[in-house]
Amino acid sequence: MESGFSIWHLLIILFSLAMLYPYVRIVQKAGYSGWWVLTGLVPVLNFIMLWVFALSTWPVERGGRPDDGFVD
């Protein structure tokens, strides 16, 4: 069995990177910095932050403006 980097590894990496963009946009529209998406890459912290974001009041709900300039 050959070990090393294959086309499948490349496809998985590209797919993972392509999935980050929509998550960043969603977090920004909620009023948070897109950098918060990186917490999803840390085991256990991703579970905790999911619940924090779900149960907290988002800056957009408090009347704050989202980072991307989205206007109602």
C-alpha atoms as a PDB file:
ATOM      1  CA  MET A   1       0.000   0.000   0.000  1.00  0.00           C
ATOM      2  CA  GLU A   2       1.349   3.362  -1.011  1.00  0.00           C
ATOM      3  CA  SER A   3       1.353   6.173   1.499  1.00  0.00           C
ATOM      4  CA  GLY A   4       1.550   9.832   0.632  1.00  0.00           C
ATOM      5  CA  PHE A   5      -0.439  12.652  -0.865  1.00  0.00           C
ATOM      6  CA  SER A   6      -3.023  11.647  -3.483  1.00  0.00           C
ATOM      7  CA  ILE A   7      -5.660  13.356  -5.588  1.00  0.00           C
ATOM      8  CA  TRP A   8      -8.253  12.380  -2.948  1.00  0.00           C
ATOM      9  CA  HIS A   9      -6.372  14.334  -0.287  1.00  0.00           C
ATOM     10  CA  LEU A  10      -6.320  17.358  -2.588  1.00  0.00           C
ATOM     11  CA  LEU A  11     -10.070  17.081  -3.262  1.00  0.00           C
ATOM     12  CA  ILE A  12     -10.850  16.853   0.448  1.00  0.00           C
ATOM     13  CA  ILE A  13      -8.721  19.927   1.187  1.00  0.00           C
ATOM     14  CA  LEU A  14     -10.338  21.930  -1.637  1.00  0.00           C
ATOM     15  CA  PHE A  15     -13.829  20.899  -0.534  1.00  0.00           C
ATOM     16  CA  SER A  16     -13.066  21.904   3.062  1.00  0.00           C
ATOM     17  CA  LEU A  17     -11.787  25.318   1.977  1.00  0.00           C
ATOM     18  CA  ALA A  18     -14.837  25.835  -0.249  1.00  0.00           C
ATOM     19  CA  MET A  19     -17.097  25.151   2.747  1.00  0.00           C
ATOM     20  CA  LEU A  20     -15.471  27.862   4.863  1.00  0.00           C
ATOM     21  CA  TYR A  21     -16.703  30.778   2.718  1.00  0.00           C
ATOM     22  CA  PRO A  22     -20.458  30.263   3.313  1.00  0.00           C
ATOM     23  CA  TYR A  23     -19.830  29.836   7.037  1.00  0.00           C
ATOM     24  CA  VAL A  24     -17.873  33.095   7.162  1.00  0.00           C
ATOM     25  CA  ARG A  25     -20.691  34.932   5.343  1.00  0.00           C
ATOM     26  CA  ILE A  26     -23.333  33.571   7.742  1.00  0.00           C
ATOM     27  CA  VAL A  27     -21.314  34.542  10.823  1.00  0.00           C
ATOM     28  CA  GLN A  28     -20.730  38.036   9.387  1.00  0.00           C
ATOM     29  CA  LYS A  29     -24.441  38.528   8.683  1.00  0.00           C
ATOM     30  CA  ALA A  30     -25.111  37.648  12.321  1.00  0.00           C
ATOM     31  CA  GLY A  31     -22.862  40.557  13.260  1.00  0.00           C
ATOM     32  CA  TYR A  32     -19.755  38.666  14.334  1.00  0.00           C
ATOM     33  CA  SER A  33     -16.288  38.662  12.826  1.00  0.00           C
ATOM     34  CA  GLY A  34     -15.734  35.966  10.213  1.00  0.00           C
ATOM     35  CA  TRP A  35     -12.669  34.841  12.131  1.00  0.00           C
ATOM     36  CA  TRP A  36     -14.973  33.081  14.605  1.00  0.00           C
ATOM     37  CA  VAL A  37     -15.346  30.331  11.986  1.00  0.00           C
ATOM     38  CA  LEU A  38     -11.864  29.139  12.915  1.00  0.00           C
ATOM     39  CA  THR A  39     -13.243  27.898  16.247  1.00  0.00           C
ATOM     40  CA  GLY A  40     -14.962  25.197  14.208  1.00  0.00           C
ATOM     41  CA  LEU A  41     -11.584  23.646  13.492  1.00  0.00           C
ATOM     42  CA  VAL A  42     -10.773  23.059  17.176  1.00  0.00           C
ATOM     43  CA  PRO A  43     -12.236  19.888  18.684  1.00  0.00           C
ATOM     44  CA  VAL A  44     -14.548  20.443  21.682  1.00  0.00           C
ATOM     45  CA  LEU A  45     -14.343  24.242  21.234  1.00  0.00           C
ATOM     46  CA  ASN A  46     -16.419  23.905  18.054  1.00  0.00           C
ATOM     47  CA  PHE A  47     -19.214  22.237  20.033  1.00  0.00           C
ATOM     48  CA  ILE A  48     -19.083  24.868  22.782  1.00  0.00           C
ATOM     49  CA  MET A  49     -19.083  27.798  20.325  1.00  0.00           C
ATOM     50  CA  LEU A  50     -22.009  26.307  18.390  1.00  0.00           C
ATOM     51  CA  TRP A  51     -24.089  26.474  21.571  1.00  0.00           C
ATOM     52  CA  VAL A  52     -22.776  29.931  22.511  1.00  0.00           C
ATOM     53  CA  PHE A  53     -23.754  31.330  19.100  1.00  0.00           C
ATOM     54  CA  ALA A  54     -27.121  29.562  19.179  1.00  0.00           C
ATOM     55  CA  LEU A  55     -28.136  30.782  22.628  1.00  0.00           C
ATOM     56  CA  SER A  56     -26.639  34.284  22.719  1.00  0.00           C
ATOM     57  CA  THR A  57     -28.203  37.480  21.390  1.00  0.00           C
ATOM     58  CA  TRP A  58     -26.468  38.338  18.133  1.00  0.00           C
ATOM     59  CA  PRO A  59     -25.102  41.859  17.576  1.00  0.00           C
ATOM     60  CA  VAL A  60     -27.524  42.207  14.655  1.00  0.00           C
ATOM     61  CA  GLU A  61     -30.452  41.592  17.027  1.00  0.00           C
ATOM     62  CA  ARG A  62     -29.127  44.275  19.395  1.00  0.00           C
ATOM     63  CA  GLY A  63     -29.116  46.826  16.579  1.00  0.00           C
ATOM     64  CA  GLY A  64     -25.460  46.553  15.682  1.00  0.00           C
ATOM     65  CA  ARG A  65     -24.410  46.543  12.054  1.00  0.00           C
ATOM     66  CA  PRO A  66     -22.921  43.441  10.489  1.00  0.00           C
ATOM     67  CA  ASP A  67     -19.290  43.609   9.402  1.00  0.00           C
ATOM     68  CA  ASP A  68     -20.095  43.234   5.707  1.00  0.00           C
ATOM     69  CA  GLY A  69     -22.305  46.327   5.386  1.00  0.00           C
ATOM     70  CA  PHE A  70     -25.550  44.388   4.952  1.00  0.00           C
ATOM     71  CA  VAL A  71     -28.459  46.797   5.315  1.00  0.00           C
ATOM     72  CA  ASP A  72     -32.126  45.888   5.713  1.00  0.00           C
END
